[in-house]
N, C-alpha and C. Protein backbone atom coordinates (compact mmCIF):
# COMPACT_ATOMS: atom_id res chain seq x y z
N MET A 1 -12.52 3.54 -8.33
CA MET A 1 -13.27 4.74 -8.60
C MET A 1 -12.70 5.35 -9.87
N THR A 2 -13.55 5.72 -10.79
CA THR A 2 -13.12 6.36 -12.03
C THR A 2 -13.01 7.86 -11.81
N VAL A 3 -11.85 8.40 -12.16
CA VAL A 3 -11.61 9.82 -11.99
C VAL A 3 -11.38 10.42 -13.38
N PRO A 4 -12.09 11.50 -13.71
CA PRO A 4 -11.91 12.11 -15.04
C PRO A 4 -10.47 12.60 -15.24
N LYS A 5 -10.01 12.50 -16.48
CA LYS A 5 -8.64 12.88 -16.81
C LYS A 5 -8.28 14.30 -16.36
N PRO A 6 -9.15 15.31 -16.55
CA PRO A 6 -8.79 16.66 -16.08
C PRO A 6 -8.53 16.73 -14.57
N VAL A 7 -9.26 15.91 -13.80
CA VAL A 7 -9.05 15.90 -12.35
C VAL A 7 -7.70 15.26 -12.04
N LEU A 8 -7.37 14.16 -12.71
CA LEU A 8 -6.05 13.53 -12.52
C LEU A 8 -4.94 14.52 -12.84
N GLN A 9 -5.10 15.25 -13.92
CA GLN A 9 -4.09 16.23 -14.32
C GLN A 9 -3.97 17.34 -13.27
N TYR A 10 -5.11 17.80 -12.76
CA TYR A 10 -5.11 18.85 -11.75
C TYR A 10 -4.38 18.38 -10.49
N LEU A 11 -4.62 17.13 -10.09
CA LEU A 11 -3.99 16.56 -8.91
C LEU A 11 -2.54 16.15 -9.15
N ARG A 12 -2.12 16.18 -10.42
CA ARG A 12 -0.82 15.64 -10.82
C ARG A 12 -0.72 14.18 -10.38
N ALA A 13 -1.80 13.46 -10.61
CA ALA A 13 -1.89 12.05 -10.23
C ALA A 13 -1.93 11.21 -11.49
N LYS A 14 -1.77 9.91 -11.31
CA LYS A 14 -1.85 8.97 -12.43
C LYS A 14 -2.56 7.72 -11.93
N ILE A 15 -2.86 6.81 -12.83
CA ILE A 15 -3.48 5.56 -12.43
C ILE A 15 -2.56 4.87 -11.43
N GLY A 16 -3.13 4.47 -10.30
CA GLY A 16 -2.36 3.84 -9.24
C GLY A 16 -1.89 4.78 -8.15
N SER A 17 -2.06 6.10 -8.35
CA SER A 17 -1.70 7.06 -7.30
C SER A 17 -2.60 6.86 -6.09
N THR A 18 -2.07 7.17 -4.92
CA THR A 18 -2.84 7.09 -3.69
C THR A 18 -3.43 8.45 -3.39
N VAL A 19 -4.72 8.46 -3.08
CA VAL A 19 -5.40 9.71 -2.75
C VAL A 19 -6.15 9.54 -1.43
N SER A 20 -6.41 10.66 -0.78
CA SER A 20 -7.30 10.65 0.38
C SER A 20 -8.60 11.30 -0.05
N ILE A 21 -9.70 10.77 0.46
CA ILE A 21 -11.02 11.32 0.13
C ILE A 21 -11.74 11.56 1.45
N GLU A 22 -12.29 12.76 1.60
CA GLU A 22 -13.05 13.07 2.80
C GLU A 22 -14.23 13.98 2.43
N MET A 23 -15.22 13.99 3.29
CA MET A 23 -16.39 14.84 3.09
C MET A 23 -16.20 16.10 3.94
N ILE A 24 -16.29 17.25 3.29
CA ILE A 24 -16.17 18.54 3.98
C ILE A 24 -17.34 19.41 3.56
N ASP A 25 -18.19 19.76 4.53
CA ASP A 25 -19.37 20.59 4.27
C ASP A 25 -20.20 20.06 3.11
N GLY A 26 -20.39 18.76 3.07
CA GLY A 26 -21.22 18.14 2.04
C GLY A 26 -20.55 17.95 0.70
N ALA A 27 -19.26 18.27 0.60
CA ALA A 27 -18.53 18.09 -0.66
C ALA A 27 -17.47 17.01 -0.48
N MET A 28 -17.29 16.20 -1.51
CA MET A 28 -16.23 15.19 -1.48
C MET A 28 -14.93 15.85 -1.92
N VAL A 29 -13.93 15.80 -1.04
CA VAL A 29 -12.64 16.43 -1.32
C VAL A 29 -11.61 15.32 -1.52
N CYS A 30 -10.91 15.37 -2.65
CA CYS A 30 -9.93 14.36 -3.02
C CYS A 30 -8.56 15.04 -3.08
N ARG A 31 -7.60 14.47 -2.36
CA ARG A 31 -6.24 15.01 -2.37
C ARG A 31 -5.25 13.89 -2.65
N LYS A 32 -4.26 14.19 -3.46
CA LYS A 32 -3.19 13.23 -3.70
C LYS A 32 -2.33 13.18 -2.45
N THR A 33 -2.02 11.98 -1.98
CA THR A 33 -1.14 11.85 -0.83
C THR A 33 0.29 11.92 -1.31
N SER A 34 1.19 12.30 -0.42
CA SER A 34 2.58 12.41 -0.82
C SER A 34 3.14 11.02 -1.12
N ASP A 35 4.01 10.93 -2.06
CA ASP A 35 4.62 9.66 -2.43
C ASP A 35 5.42 9.07 -1.27
N ASP A 36 5.87 9.93 -0.35
CA ASP A 36 6.67 9.47 0.78
C ASP A 36 5.85 8.63 1.76
N SER A 37 4.52 8.77 1.73
CA SER A 37 3.69 8.09 2.73
C SER A 37 3.59 6.59 2.48
N MET A 38 3.94 6.12 1.30
CA MET A 38 3.79 4.71 0.98
C MET A 38 5.14 4.02 0.85
N THR A 39 6.01 4.23 1.83
CA THR A 39 7.28 3.52 1.82
C THR A 39 7.10 2.17 2.50
N LEU A 40 8.01 1.26 2.24
CA LEU A 40 7.97 -0.04 2.89
C LEU A 40 8.03 0.13 4.41
N GLU A 41 8.87 1.05 4.86
CA GLU A 41 9.01 1.27 6.31
C GLU A 41 7.70 1.75 6.93
N SER A 42 6.98 2.66 6.25
CA SER A 42 5.73 3.16 6.81
C SER A 42 4.65 2.08 6.78
N LEU A 43 4.64 1.26 5.75
CA LEU A 43 3.66 0.17 5.69
C LEU A 43 3.90 -0.85 6.79
N ILE A 44 5.15 -1.20 7.02
CA ILE A 44 5.48 -2.16 8.07
C ILE A 44 5.14 -1.57 9.44
N ALA A 45 5.46 -0.29 9.63
CA ALA A 45 5.21 0.35 10.93
C ALA A 45 3.73 0.40 11.27
N THR A 46 2.87 0.49 10.27
CA THR A 46 1.43 0.60 10.55
C THR A 46 0.70 -0.73 10.40
N SER A 47 1.41 -1.81 10.12
CA SER A 47 0.78 -3.13 9.99
C SER A 47 0.55 -3.74 11.36
N PRO A 48 -0.56 -4.46 11.53
CA PRO A 48 -0.79 -5.14 12.81
C PRO A 48 0.32 -6.14 13.11
N GLN A 49 0.80 -6.12 14.33
CA GLN A 49 1.93 -6.97 14.72
C GLN A 49 1.62 -8.46 14.57
N GLU A 50 0.34 -8.85 14.72
CA GLU A 50 0.01 -10.27 14.60
C GLU A 50 0.26 -10.81 13.19
N HIS A 51 0.40 -9.92 12.21
CA HIS A 51 0.70 -10.36 10.84
C HIS A 51 2.15 -10.80 10.69
N PHE A 52 2.99 -10.49 11.66
CA PHE A 52 4.40 -10.85 11.59
C PHE A 52 4.72 -12.14 12.32
N ILE A 53 3.74 -12.72 12.98
CA ILE A 53 3.96 -13.96 13.71
C ILE A 53 4.01 -15.13 12.72
N MET A 54 5.08 -15.91 12.80
CA MET A 54 5.22 -17.04 11.88
C MET A 54 4.41 -18.22 12.38
N SER A 55 3.68 -18.84 11.48
CA SER A 55 2.89 -20.02 11.82
C SER A 55 3.80 -21.25 11.87
N ASP A 56 3.24 -22.36 12.34
CA ASP A 56 4.00 -23.61 12.34
C ASP A 56 4.42 -23.98 10.92
N GLU A 57 3.53 -23.75 9.95
CA GLU A 57 3.85 -24.05 8.55
C GLU A 57 4.99 -23.18 8.05
N ASP A 58 4.96 -21.89 8.41
CA ASP A 58 6.06 -20.99 8.03
C ASP A 58 7.38 -21.51 8.57
N ASN A 59 7.37 -21.90 9.85
CA ASN A 59 8.60 -22.37 10.48
C ASN A 59 9.13 -23.65 9.84
N GLU A 60 8.24 -24.49 9.32
CA GLU A 60 8.67 -25.74 8.68
C GLU A 60 9.56 -25.49 7.48
N TRP A 61 9.20 -24.54 6.63
CA TRP A 61 9.98 -24.32 5.41
C TRP A 61 11.03 -23.24 5.56
N PHE A 62 10.98 -22.46 6.62
CA PHE A 62 11.88 -21.31 6.77
C PHE A 62 13.35 -21.70 6.73
N GLY A 63 13.72 -22.77 7.41
CA GLY A 63 15.13 -23.14 7.48
C GLY A 63 15.58 -24.14 6.43
N LEU A 64 14.72 -24.50 5.48
CA LEU A 64 15.07 -25.51 4.48
C LEU A 64 16.06 -24.96 3.45
N GLU A 65 16.88 -25.84 2.93
CA GLU A 65 17.82 -25.49 1.87
C GLU A 65 17.10 -25.48 0.53
N PRO A 66 17.59 -24.71 -0.44
CA PRO A 66 16.99 -24.71 -1.78
C PRO A 66 17.07 -26.11 -2.39
N VAL A 67 16.06 -26.48 -3.19
CA VAL A 67 16.06 -27.80 -3.81
C VAL A 67 16.17 -27.73 -5.33
N GLY A 68 16.18 -26.53 -5.87
CA GLY A 68 16.24 -26.36 -7.32
C GLY A 68 17.07 -25.14 -7.66
N ALA A 69 16.57 -24.36 -8.60
CA ALA A 69 17.31 -23.19 -9.07
C ALA A 69 16.74 -21.89 -8.47
N GLU A 70 16.23 -21.95 -7.22
CA GLU A 70 15.62 -20.78 -6.60
C GLU A 70 16.62 -19.65 -6.41
N ILE A 71 17.86 -19.99 -6.12
CA ILE A 71 18.84 -18.96 -5.82
C ILE A 71 19.90 -18.91 -6.90
């Protein structure tokens, strides 16, 4: 979504900032979310648990030793 520069300045937002958008009484209301809401811990906590299950393919390479200059 393209946001005019004066609106970004008003929100104290920048390209890549996270905002919430909702409709209130027929008006679109845009608010900058706090920077604290996008921590790794909060993203992991709200992720579906099935995304953390390792597949058979994951398990195949998980315990392998490095073969080049990876580390």
